[in-house]
Protein backbone atom coordinates (compact mmCIF):
# COMPACT_ATOMS: atom_id res chain seq x y z
CA MET A 1 72.79 99.67 82.86
CA GLU A 2 71.28 97.66 80.00
CA GLU A 3 73.78 95.71 77.89
CA SER A 4 74.24 96.77 74.28
CA LYS A 5 73.18 94.40 71.52
CA ALA A 6 76.85 93.91 70.66
CA ILE A 7 77.63 92.77 74.22
CA GLN A 8 74.62 90.43 74.14
CA LYS A 9 75.81 88.86 70.89
CA TYR A 10 79.34 88.56 72.27
CA THR A 11 78.07 86.78 75.38
CA SER A 12 75.96 84.48 73.23
CA TRP A 13 78.98 83.50 71.12
CA ILE A 14 81.11 82.68 74.17
CA ASN A 15 78.35 80.59 75.74
CA THR A 16 77.40 78.65 72.60
CA ARG A 17 78.14 74.96 72.96
CA GLY A 18 80.44 73.51 70.33
CA ILE A 19 82.04 76.78 69.28
CA ASP A 20 85.50 76.38 67.75
CA PRO A 21 88.12 76.58 70.57
CA SER A 22 90.31 79.08 68.68
CA ILE A 23 87.30 81.37 68.18
CA ARG A 24 86.45 81.15 71.90
CA ARG A 25 90.04 81.97 72.89
CA GLU A 26 90.06 84.99 70.59
CA LEU A 27 86.81 86.23 72.16
CA LEU A 28 88.08 85.74 75.72
CA ASN A 29 91.13 87.85 74.87
CA ILE A 30 88.91 90.90 74.24
CA ILE A 31 86.61 90.45 77.26
CA SER A 32 87.88 93.71 78.81
CA SER A 33 87.77 95.70 75.55
CA PRO A 34 84.21 97.01 75.05
CA ALA A 35 85.20 99.07 71.99
CA GLU A 36 86.61 95.97 70.30
CA ILE A 37 83.50 93.97 71.18
CA GLU A 38 81.30 96.74 69.78
CA ASP A 39 83.27 96.82 66.53
CA ARG A 40 83.08 93.03 66.07
CA PHE A 41 79.41 92.60 66.99
CA ASN A 42 77.64 95.87 66.15
CA ASP A 43 76.24 94.41 62.93
CA ASN A 44 76.07 91.30 60.75
CA LEU A 45 78.09 91.12 57.55
CA ARG A 46 76.02 92.02 54.50
CA PHE A 47 76.49 91.48 50.79
CA GLY A 48 77.90 94.61 49.15
CA THR A 49 79.26 95.42 45.68
CA ALA A 50 81.35 92.23 45.74
CA GLY A 51 79.65 89.87 48.23
CA LEU A 52 80.89 89.58 51.80
CA ARG A 53 84.19 91.23 52.72
CA ALA A 54 85.66 92.09 56.12
CA VAL A 55 88.57 91.72 58.51
CA MET A 56 89.10 88.09 59.57
CA GLY A 57 88.35 87.20 63.17
CA ALA A 58 85.67 86.24 65.66
CA GLY A 59 82.40 88.17 65.53
CA THR A 60 79.28 88.77 63.47
CA ASN A 61 81.04 91.64 61.69
CA ARG A 62 84.09 89.54 60.78
CA MET A 63 85.05 86.89 58.25
CA ASN A 64 85.34 83.50 60.00
CA ILE A 65 84.29 79.89 59.53
CA TYR A 66 80.77 80.66 60.73
CA THR A 67 80.05 83.67 58.50
CA VAL A 68 81.46 81.72 55.54
CA ALA A 69 79.38 78.63 56.35
CA ALA A 70 76.24 80.76 56.75
CA ALA A 71 76.83 82.38 53.35
CA ALA A 72 77.43 78.98 51.75
CA LYS A 73 74.23 77.63 53.30
CA GLY A 74 72.26 80.63 52.03
CA LEU A 75 73.64 80.23 48.51
CA ALA A 76 72.96 76.48 48.53
CA ASP A 77 69.35 77.10 49.56
CA CYS A 78 68.92 79.51 46.64
CA ILE A 79 70.36 76.97 44.20
CA ASN A 80 68.12 74.22 45.59
CA SER A 81 65.02 76.43 45.38
CA ALA A 82 65.81 76.93 41.68
CA GLY A 83 66.16 73.17 41.19
CA ALA A 84 69.76 73.61 39.98
CA GLU A 85 71.62 71.54 42.56
CA LYS A 86 72.64 68.88 40.02
CA GLU A 87 74.13 71.52 37.72
CA GLY A 88 76.56 72.25 40.53
CA VAL A 89 78.88 75.07 41.55
CA ILE A 90 82.60 75.71 41.22
CA ILE A 91 84.70 77.09 44.08
CA SER A 92 88.09 78.77 43.88
CA TYR A 93 90.26 80.87 46.17
CA ASP A 94 93.25 83.20 46.17
CA SER A 95 96.43 83.47 48.23
CA ARG A 96 95.00 85.15 51.30
CA ASN A 97 95.33 83.60 54.74
CA MET A 98 92.41 81.22 55.37
CA SER A 99 91.27 81.33 51.73
CA ARG A 100 91.76 77.61 51.18
CA GLU A 101 90.13 76.77 54.51
CA PHE A 102 87.12 78.97 53.74
CA ALA A 103 86.83 77.39 50.27
CA GLU A 104 86.82 73.90 51.78
CA ILE A 105 84.16 74.85 54.36
CA THR A 106 82.06 76.28 51.52
CA ALA A 107 82.46 73.02 49.58
CA ARG A 108 81.43 70.91 52.58
CA VAL A 109 78.34 72.97 53.33
CA MET A 110 77.14 73.01 49.73
CA ALA A 111 77.74 69.27 49.35
CA GLN A 112 75.83 68.68 52.58
CA GLU A 113 72.90 70.57 51.04
CA GLY A 114 72.94 68.29 48.00
CA VAL A 115 74.68 70.67 45.59
CA GLN A 116 77.29 69.08 43.35
CA VAL A 117 80.64 70.80 43.97
CA ILE A 118 83.67 71.30 41.73
CA LEU A 119 86.62 72.51 43.79
CA SER A 120 89.77 74.10 42.39
CA ASP A 121 92.78 71.89 43.10
CA THR A 122 94.89 74.99 43.79
CA LEU A 123 94.44 78.75 43.97
CA ARG A 124 93.09 80.33 40.78
CA PRO A 125 92.04 83.91 39.94
CA VAL A 126 88.56 85.44 39.62
CA PRO A 127 88.39 85.51 35.79
CA MET A 128 89.05 81.78 35.63
CA LEU A 129 86.15 81.14 38.03
CA SER A 130 83.78 83.31 36.00
CA PHE A 131 84.90 81.56 32.80
CA ALA A 132 84.46 78.09 34.31
CA ILE A 133 80.83 78.71 35.31
CA ARG A 134 79.86 79.35 31.71
CA HIS A 135 82.27 76.84 30.16
CA PHE A 136 81.10 73.94 32.37
CA LYS A 137 77.46 75.16 32.35
CA LEU A 138 77.15 75.38 36.13
CA ALA A 139 74.54 76.92 38.41
CA GLY A 140 77.04 79.31 39.97
CA GLY A 141 80.30 79.68 41.82
CA VAL A 142 82.13 81.06 44.84
CA MET A 143 85.47 82.87 44.99
CA ILE A 144 87.13 83.26 48.37
CA THR A 145 89.02 86.55 48.23
CA ALA A 146 89.17 90.11 49.49
CA SER A 147 90.64 91.33 46.21
CA HIS A 148 93.08 94.21 46.87
CA ASN A 149 92.20 94.87 50.54
CA PRO A 150 94.86 94.79 53.31
CA PRO A 151 96.19 91.41 54.54
CA GLU A 152 93.80 91.10 57.47
CA TYR A 153 90.77 90.95 55.14
CA ASN A 154 89.05 88.10 53.35
CA GLY A 155 85.75 87.70 51.52
CA PHE A 156 83.12 85.54 49.83
CA LYS A 157 82.14 86.40 46.25
CA ALA A 158 79.06 84.58 44.96
CA TYR A 159 78.30 84.10 41.24
CA GLY A 160 75.21 83.16 39.25
CA ASN A 161 74.86 80.84 36.27
CA ASP A 162 75.79 83.61 33.82
CA GLY A 163 79.30 83.85 35.29
CA GLY A 164 78.62 87.26 36.82
CA GLN A 165 78.54 88.18 40.48
CA LEU A 166 75.09 87.95 41.99
CA SER A 167 72.68 90.77 41.24
CA PRO A 168 71.43 92.88 44.16
CA GLU A 169 68.28 90.76 44.17
CA GLY A 170 70.30 87.52 44.16
CA ALA A 171 72.57 88.76 46.95
CA LYS A 172 69.53 89.75 49.00
CA ALA A 173 68.05 86.27 48.55
CA VAL A 174 71.26 84.68 49.87
CA GLN A 175 71.38 87.12 52.78
CA GLU A 176 67.82 86.28 53.80
CA ARG A 177 68.63 82.56 53.86
CA MET A 178 71.79 82.83 55.97
CA PRO A 179 71.19 81.07 59.32
CA GLU A 180 71.91 82.68 62.69
CA PHE A 181 75.13 81.96 64.56
CA GLU A 182 73.87 79.37 67.07
CA GLU A 183 72.22 77.40 64.25
CA ILE A 184 75.31 77.37 62.05
CA VAL A 185 77.56 76.25 64.94
CA GLN A 186 75.36 73.23 65.55
CA TYR A 187 75.04 72.63 61.80
CA LEU A 188 78.80 72.53 61.17
CA GLN A 189 79.29 69.88 63.85
CA LYS A 190 77.17 67.50 61.78
CA VAL A 191 78.82 68.21 58.41
CA PRO A 192 81.19 65.40 57.30
CA THR A 193 84.80 65.99 56.35
CA LEU A 194 85.82 67.11 52.88
CA GLU A 195 87.53 63.76 52.30
CA GLU A 196 84.25 61.91 52.76
CA TYR A 197 82.53 64.06 50.12
CA VAL A 198 85.46 63.56 47.73
CA ARG A 199 85.22 59.77 48.16
CA GLU A 200 81.50 59.97 47.34
CA ASN A 201 82.19 62.21 44.27
CA ARG A 202 79.96 64.91 45.75
CA VAL A 203 83.04 67.15 45.67
CA MET A 204 85.34 66.78 42.66
CA TYR A 205 88.65 68.53 42.07
CA VAL A 206 89.39 70.17 38.73
CA GLY A 207 92.65 71.52 37.32
CA LYS A 208 94.34 71.00 33.95
CA THR A 209 91.21 70.84 31.76
CA TRP A 210 90.09 74.14 33.31
CA ASP A 211 93.48 75.77 32.71
CA ASP A 212 93.65 74.57 29.10
CA SER A 213 90.13 75.80 28.26
CA TYR A 214 90.79 79.23 29.74
CA MET A 215 94.09 79.57 27.87
CA ASN A 216 92.36 78.66 24.60
CA MET A 217 89.83 81.43 25.25
CA LEU A 218 92.62 83.95 25.90
CA ARG A 219 94.32 83.07 22.63
CA LYS A 220 91.20 84.12 20.74
CA LEU A 221 91.36 87.59 22.32
CA ARG A 222 94.69 88.61 20.81
CA SER A 223 94.11 91.83 18.93
CA SER A 224 97.15 92.39 16.70
CA ASP A 225 97.78 89.87 13.91
CA SER A 226 100.49 92.03 12.35
CA LEU A 227 102.75 92.12 15.40
CA SER A 228 105.90 90.19 14.55
CA ALA A 229 107.42 87.50 16.73
CA GLU A 230 110.60 89.59 16.90
CA SER A 231 108.71 92.64 18.22
CA LYS A 232 107.15 90.58 21.00
CA ALA A 233 110.42 88.87 21.85
CA ARG A 234 112.23 92.23 22.13
CA LEU A 235 109.78 93.72 24.62
CA ARG A 236 111.07 93.77 28.19
CA ILE A 237 108.33 93.27 30.79
CA VAL A 238 108.59 93.30 34.57
CA TYR A 239 105.64 91.50 36.13
CA THR A 240 104.52 91.19 39.75
CA PRO A 241 101.56 89.09 40.91
CA LEU A 242 101.77 90.85 44.31
CA ASN A 243 101.95 87.43 46.02
CA GLY A 244 98.59 86.52 44.51
CA SER A 245 96.91 83.97 42.26
CA GLY A 246 97.79 85.60 38.92
CA GLY A 247 101.41 84.52 38.73
CA GLU A 248 101.10 81.18 36.96
CA PRO A 249 98.38 82.01 34.39
CA VAL A 250 99.96 85.38 33.51
CA ARG A 251 103.41 83.92 32.91
CA LYS A 252 101.90 81.05 30.94
CA ILE A 253 99.83 83.20 28.56
CA LEU A 254 102.62 85.75 28.06
CA ALA A 255 105.03 82.97 27.11
CA ASP A 256 102.41 81.37 24.87
CA SER A 257 101.88 84.75 23.17
CA GLY A 258 105.58 85.09 22.34
CA PHE A 259 106.77 87.46 25.07
CA LYS A 260 110.09 85.95 26.04
CA ARG A 261 111.64 88.68 28.20
CA VAL A 262 109.35 88.62 31.25
CA PHE A 263 111.10 89.35 34.55
CA VAL A 264 109.09 88.42 37.65
CA VAL A 265 109.62 90.24 40.96
CA SER A 266 110.90 87.30 43.02
CA GLU A 267 109.93 88.76 46.42
CA GLN A 268 106.30 89.00 45.24
CA GLU A 269 106.21 85.89 43.06
CA LYS A 270 105.00 83.20 45.46
CA PRO A 271 101.47 83.24 46.93
CA ASP A 272 101.64 84.71 50.43
CA GLY A 273 98.64 86.04 52.36
CA ASN A 274 100.86 88.20 54.56
CA PHE A 275 102.08 90.20 51.52
CA PRO A 276 105.36 90.87 53.36
CA THR A 277 106.79 93.51 51.01
CA LEU A 278 103.52 95.41 50.51
CA ARG A 279 101.49 97.92 52.51
CA VAL A 280 98.42 96.71 50.64
CA PRO A 281 98.40 94.35 47.63
CA ASN A 282 96.73 96.93 45.43
CA PRO A 283 98.00 97.59 41.88
CA GLU A 284 96.34 101.03 42.00
CA CYS A 285 98.84 102.20 44.65
CA GLU A 286 102.18 103.74 43.76
CA ASP A 287 104.02 102.02 46.61
CA SER A 288 102.97 98.59 45.31
CA PHE A 289 105.39 99.22 42.41
CA GLU A 290 108.50 100.07 44.44
CA LEU A 291 110.22 96.69 44.05
CA ALA A 292 109.01 96.29 40.46
CA LYS A 293 110.58 99.64 39.53
CA LYS A 294 113.94 98.51 40.91
CA TYR A 295 113.74 95.42 38.72
CA ALA A 296 112.64 97.53 35.75
CA ARG A 297 115.63 99.86 36.06
CA ALA A 298 117.98 96.89 36.35
CA VAL A 299 116.71 95.19 33.17
CA ALA A 300 115.75 98.35 31.22
CA ALA A 301 112.12 97.25 31.07
CA ASP A 302 109.68 98.88 28.68
CA VAL A 303 106.65 98.31 30.88
CA ILE A 304 105.69 97.06 34.36
CA ILE A 305 102.46 95.15 34.94
CA ALA A 306 100.92 94.04 38.23
CA THR A 307 97.89 91.97 39.16
CA ASP A 308 96.12 91.94 42.52
CA PRO A 309 95.73 88.81 44.72
CA ASP A 310 92.60 87.48 42.97
CA GLY A 311 93.71 88.50 39.47
CA ASP A 312 90.84 90.81 38.61
CA ARG A 313 92.63 94.19 38.74
CA LEU A 314 95.60 95.36 36.70
CA GLY A 315 98.18 98.05 37.35
CA VAL A 316 100.62 99.44 34.76
CA ALA A 317 103.72 101.61 34.87
CA THR A 318 105.37 102.68 31.64
CA LEU A 319 108.81 104.02 30.78
CA ASP A 320 108.53 107.81 30.60
CA ASP A 321 110.48 110.36 28.55
CA ASP A 322 112.87 111.12 31.42
CA GLY A 323 113.76 107.46 31.97
CA SER A 324 111.56 107.05 35.06
CA TYR A 325 108.56 104.72 35.32
CA ARG A 326 105.21 106.45 35.41
CA MET A 327 102.16 104.73 36.86
CA LEU A 328 99.02 104.97 34.77
CA THR A 329 95.63 105.49 36.36
CA GLY A 330 92.80 103.01 35.92
CA ASN A 331 91.11 105.43 33.53
CA GLN A 332 94.24 105.88 31.43
CA ILE A 333 94.71 102.12 31.10
CA GLY A 334 91.04 101.76 30.16
CA LEU A 335 91.25 104.44 27.48
CA LEU A 336 94.41 102.90 26.02
CA LEU A 337 92.80 99.45 25.87
CA MET A 338 89.52 100.74 24.45
CA GLU A 339 91.23 102.72 21.69
CA TYR A 340 93.57 99.80 20.89
CA ILE A 341 90.84 97.16 20.68
CA LEU A 342 88.42 99.27 18.64
CA SER A 343 91.10 100.63 16.30
CA GLU A 344 92.55 97.15 15.62
CA LYS A 345 89.12 95.69 14.88
CA SER A 346 88.16 98.68 12.78
CA ALA A 347 91.36 98.38 10.73
CA LYS A 348 90.79 94.65 10.15
CA GLY A 349 87.10 95.16 9.33
CA THR A 350 85.99 92.91 12.20
CA LEU A 351 84.24 95.57 14.29
CA PRO A 352 80.54 94.65 14.08
CA GLU A 353 77.90 97.27 13.30
CA ASN A 354 76.07 96.53 16.54
CA ALA A 355 79.18 96.72 18.73
CA TYR A 356 78.97 98.11 22.24
CA CYS A 357 81.33 98.87 25.12
CA ILE A 358 80.58 99.36 28.83
CA THR A 359 81.99 101.78 31.40
CA SER A 360 80.95 102.69 34.92
CA LEU A 361 79.30 106.00 35.76
CA VAL A 362 82.45 107.14 37.55
CA SER A 363 84.90 106.29 34.75
CA SER A 364 86.53 108.60 32.20
CA ARG A 365 84.15 110.53 29.98
CA LEU A 366 86.66 110.32 27.12
CA SER A 367 85.21 106.84 26.59
CA ARG A 368 82.14 108.61 25.16
CA VAL A 369 84.27 110.37 22.55
CA ILE A 370 86.15 107.19 21.60
CA ALA A 371 82.88 105.27 21.22
CA GLU A 372 81.46 108.03 19.05
CA ARG A 373 84.49 107.98 16.74
CA TYR A 374 84.13 104.23 16.09
CA HIS A 375 80.30 104.35 15.95
CA VAL A 376 80.08 102.05 18.96
CA THR A 377 77.28 102.20 21.52
CA LEU A 378 78.54 103.05 25.00
CA GLU A 379 76.64 101.66 27.98
CA GLU A 380 77.23 103.43 31.30
CA ARG A 381 76.42 101.37 34.38
CA LEU A 382 76.83 101.43 38.14
CA THR A 383 80.23 100.56 39.59
CA GLY A 384 80.76 96.83 39.92
CA SER A 385 81.36 94.08 37.37
CA ARG A 386 78.02 92.46 38.22
CA PHE A 387 76.28 95.42 36.55
CA PHE A 388 78.47 94.94 33.48
CA ALA A 389 77.49 91.26 33.42
CA GLU A 390 73.84 92.27 33.72
CA CYS A 391 74.24 94.63 30.74
CA ILE A 392 75.72 91.83 28.61
CA ARG A 393 72.89 89.51 29.60
CA GLU A 394 70.29 92.12 28.61
CA HIS A 395 71.88 92.53 25.18
CA GLU A 396 71.99 88.77 24.68
CA GLU A 397 68.33 88.39 25.60
CA LYS A 398 67.38 91.07 23.08
CA GLU A 399 69.96 89.87 20.52
CA ASP A 400 70.83 93.49 19.78
CA GLY A 401 74.56 93.91 20.30
CA GLU A 402 78.04 92.38 20.44
CA PHE A 403 80.21 93.15 23.46
CA GLN A 404 83.72 94.49 22.70
CA PHE A 405 85.26 95.86 25.91
CA GLY A 406 84.41 97.20 29.33
CA PHE A 407 86.30 99.11 32.01
CA GLU A 408 85.90 100.94 35.30
CA GLU A 409 88.27 103.46 36.79
CA GLY A 410 89.18 101.09 39.64
CA ASN A 411 91.61 99.21 37.34
CA GLY A 412 89.08 96.62 36.17
CA TYR A 413 88.83 95.49 32.52
CA MET A 414 86.55 93.05 30.66
CA PHE A 415 87.37 91.65 27.23
CA SER A 416 84.96 88.83 26.43
CA SER A 417 81.40 87.78 27.16
CA GLU A 418 82.88 84.41 28.14
CA VAL A 419 84.26 86.05 31.31
CA ARG A 420 81.66 88.13 33.16
CA ASP A 421 84.05 89.70 35.65
CA LYS A 422 87.19 91.81 35.53
CA ASP A 423 90.06 89.92 33.90
CA ALA A 424 93.57 91.11 34.71
CA ILE A 425 95.08 88.03 33.03
CA ALA A 426 93.66 89.00 29.64
CA ALA A 427 94.58 92.62 30.33
CA CYS A 428 98.25 91.68 30.80
CA VAL A 429 98.37 90.25 27.28
CA ALA A 430 96.62 93.28 25.76
CA ILE A 431 98.98 95.73 27.50
CA ALA A 432 102.00 93.68 26.39
CA GLU A 433 100.72 93.77 22.79
CA MET A 434 100.24 97.55 22.93
CA ALA A 435 103.70 98.10 24.39
CA ALA A 436 105.24 95.86 21.71
CA VAL A 437 103.42 97.75 18.94
CA SER A 438 104.70 101.03 20.35
CA LYS A 439 108.28 99.76 20.59
CA SER A 440 108.18 98.46 17.02
CA TYR A 441 107.62 102.09 15.94
CA GLY A 442 110.32 103.45 18.23
CA LEU A 443 107.73 104.72 20.72
CA LYS A 444 106.78 104.03 24.33
CA LEU A 445 103.38 103.13 25.77
CA ILE A 446 103.14 106.64 27.21
CA ASP A 447 103.27 107.98 23.65
CA GLN A 448 100.06 106.08 22.90
CA LEU A 449 98.37 107.90 25.77
CA LYS A 450 99.63 111.27 24.53
CA ALA A 451 98.24 110.47 21.09
CA ILE A 452 94.82 109.79 22.63
CA TYR A 453 94.91 113.17 24.39
CA ARG A 454 95.89 114.93 21.17
CA LEU A 455 93.04 113.24 19.33
CA TYR A 456 90.26 113.48 21.91
CA GLY A 457 91.36 116.21 24.33
CA TYR A 458 93.24 116.07 27.61
CA ALA A 459 91.69 114.35 30.67
CA ALA A 460 92.41 115.77 34.12
CA GLU A 461 90.86 113.08 36.32
CA LYS A 462 91.15 112.20 39.97
CA SER A 463 89.49 109.96 42.54
CA ILE A 464 89.89 110.37 46.29
CA SER A 465 88.89 107.96 49.07
CA ILE A 466 88.18 109.31 52.56
CA ASP A 467 88.60 106.68 55.28
CA CYS A 468 85.49 106.52 57.47
CA SER A 469 86.30 103.40 59.47
CA GLY A 470 85.22 103.04 63.08
CA PRO A 471 81.83 102.65 64.78
CA LYS A 472 80.55 106.05 63.60
CA GLY A 473 81.95 105.85 60.09
CA ALA A 474 78.82 104.49 58.38
CA GLU A 475 76.71 107.15 60.08
CA ALA A 476 79.07 109.92 58.90
CA ILE A 477 78.92 108.65 55.30
CA LYS A 478 75.13 108.48 55.42
CA HIS A 479 74.95 112.04 56.80
CA CYS A 480 77.24 113.31 54.06
CA MET A 481 75.20 111.69 51.27
CA GLU A 482 71.97 113.05 52.75
CA HIS A 483 73.51 116.52 53.06
CA TYR A 484 74.46 116.74 49.38
CA ARG A 485 71.29 115.02 48.22
CA PHE A 486 69.28 117.68 50.10
CA LEU A 487 71.27 120.43 48.39
CA GLY A 488 70.33 119.01 44.98
CA GLY A 489 72.25 120.70 42.17
CA LYS A 490 73.87 123.28 44.43
CA LEU A 491 77.42 122.57 45.57
CA GLY A 492 78.20 125.64 47.62
CA ALA A 493 81.92 124.90 47.71
CA ILE A 494 82.09 125.30 43.95
CA GLY A 495 80.00 128.43 43.78
CA GLN A 496 77.78 127.46 40.88
CA ASP A 497 74.68 125.43 40.12
CA LEU A 498 75.31 122.15 38.41
CA TYR A 499 73.29 119.75 36.32
CA TYR A 500 72.54 117.13 38.97
CA ARG A 501 71.64 113.45 38.80
CA ASP A 502 70.69 111.39 41.81
CA VAL A 503 71.36 107.78 40.81
CA LYS A 504 68.76 106.64 43.35
CA THR A 505 65.96 108.04 41.24
CA TYR A 506 67.20 109.31 37.91
CA ILE A 507 69.04 106.97 35.60
CA ASP A 508 66.97 104.79 33.32
CA LYS A 509 67.54 101.01 33.33
CA MET A 510 69.51 101.12 36.58
CA PRO A 511 68.73 99.85 40.06
CA GLU A 512 68.77 102.27 42.95
CA ALA A 513 72.25 103.22 44.12
CA ASP A 514 73.63 105.64 46.67
CA ALA A 515 75.52 107.91 44.27
CA LEU A 516 75.39 111.55 43.22
CA ILE A 517 76.53 112.75 39.79
CA TYR A 518 77.16 116.41 38.97
CA GLU A 519 77.75 117.43 35.34
CA LEU A 520 79.21 120.91 34.92
CA ASN A 521 79.46 121.49 31.18
CA ASP A 522 80.34 119.40 28.16
CA LEU A 523 82.13 116.36 29.62
CA ASP A 524 83.20 117.83 32.99
CA TRP A 525 81.73 116.03 36.02
CA ILE A 526 81.93 115.22 39.75
CA ALA A 527 80.58 112.20 41.63
CA ILE A 528 80.17 111.30 45.30
CA ARG A 529 79.37 107.79 46.55
CA PRO A 530 80.15 105.38 49.38
CA SER A 531 82.50 102.51 48.57
CA GLY A 532 80.74 99.18 48.17
CA THR A 533 83.63 97.18 49.64
CA GLU A 534 85.33 99.38 52.27
CA PRO A 535 84.29 101.97 54.91
CA LYS A 536 85.21 104.88 52.64
CA LEU A 537 83.55 107.82 50.92
CA LYS A 538 84.71 108.18 47.32
CA ILE A 539 84.82 111.42 45.33
CA TYR A 540 85.55 111.55 41.61
CA PHE A 541 86.50 114.47 39.33
CA GLY A 542 86.83 114.73 35.57
CA PHE A 543 87.76 117.85 33.56
CA TYR A 544 88.56 117.83 29.83
CA GLY A 545 89.90 119.88 26.93
CA ASP A 546 93.00 122.06 27.08
CA LYS A 547 95.54 120.56 29.51
CA THR A 548 96.39 123.72 31.45
CA ALA A 549 92.77 124.78 31.84
CA ALA A 550 91.55 121.28 32.76
CA GLU A 551 94.23 120.75 35.41
CA SER A 552 93.55 124.20 36.87
CA ARG A 553 89.83 123.46 37.20
CA LEU A 554 90.58 120.08 38.75
CA LYS A 555 92.90 121.57 41.38
CA THR A 556 90.57 124.42 42.35
CA VAL A 557 87.34 122.41 42.47
CA SER A 558 88.80 119.36 44.24
CA GLN A 559 90.41 121.44 46.98
CA GLN A 560 87.23 123.40 47.62
CA LEU A 561 84.91 120.40 47.60
CA LEU A 562 87.13 118.18 49.75
CA HIS A 563 87.32 120.89 52.41
CA ASP A 564 83.54 121.14 52.33
CA ILE A 565 83.03 117.34 52.51
CA ASN A 566 85.41 116.93 55.45
CA GLU A 567 83.47 119.54 57.41
CA VAL A 568 80.24 117.67 56.67
CA LEU A 569 81.77 114.35 57.76
CA MET A 570 82.95 115.91 61.02
CA GLY A 571 79.41 117.13 61.73
CA LYS A 572 80.16 120.84 61.31
CA ARG A 573 77.33 121.18 58.78
């Protein structure tokens, strides 16, 4: 019987001279597990919505020293081909296991290729990296992180000189320049130690000046000038960094902004890549707030805020009318922030005539109504902060707009063109300000959300992820997308024809993307797309207007469509 390509790659890895001994031992331990070999070697890692991201371990389909070094070499080649090696790159990392080691390997490879490297002297979050690229006028950057994925994951996010994650074209260019395994093994053996590059000033550490510059930028973003020091000091906040990189900058900016009663969840305070008290370090998940809620009840907190390991996503739970703590969805947080920022600027007369906001195609449609009220242009883009960064760049090139705010339903928020990625650090300050304003009027943050619904109509929204991991998962997702694309505007499970948009071919000013959008009437909509970072199929629903009617439509349609999609994924259709 002919060996599979995965087995051939596995054999090649074991027999390669100079391979790291720990990698070889790990491979020998799975020699009698063909399914495990197939999973590790059935493909090479590819750049997705947020660069490379995968489970750590030996194999072409895993994050390890060789996949990281290959990505660093590919990025360095791109920078050299643009003649930008002297401008340099900045590298940071989060709290995940192996993040520092992967960052140091990246620094060594890029220095070896003649690229000047600035290396973070400790872990720092994504928004600080994006800010630093623009602030220090660099050619790009790298963040070692797997964001909110489970503990066994890590990743490699690559950034361009605008501070945004690489465009699809830029990511493709890096991918094409990544050397094969045997080549990178031999290459790494010839790369000097990090200490040698530091002595030669080809790698330089940076710390305090970076922190100070970022904090100064955050101070400029404060929205409410009328909020008294007493109101901020009275607010009780429980904060958890979920064992990630956000802890220090969040506590520092909250204290600097006058919030004195900040209680940090001690079990989740220190950076820890094992995330011992968490199923996954994801601020979108209810169970990530279990410990924080215990703290909140003990100190009578007004609001709970959480940041993920790389500090780009924010989660919020607010005190509800019955005394419990209610988690807000990513859309609800986005609507609150959008209304707050635009209303504050409008009241102060600082909202420019050419203002614009950005949301993703699968975010709340109430953003359209808010933008219309404040006469602000709303740009709708594909999911992923790199598309938001691209939108800002386009406006700057045309000199036809001033960016105000951006959000996507996956708990990501952008506040300034100086940071071209999601910024949970800035979001913490904005949420604290909103909660303090509410409390000064004898209200809770949840009352602000209710006011939005009274003003613009209720939003019954939901997103569901279907796990499609395993060797046949990608094939099942592809079959499902092809099935619904073939049906066009007809979703049989719903029993009606819909206005249909295939993002691959329809939407003006957008690159191709594997996503289907169905618009029912007025603002109501459905979307289906594969996740760009995990082996999942994602389905989104949005229904608006009267609360009872909207929730009824959401329940009926979601149940019918999910049953239909599961049958398609299982190959029954």
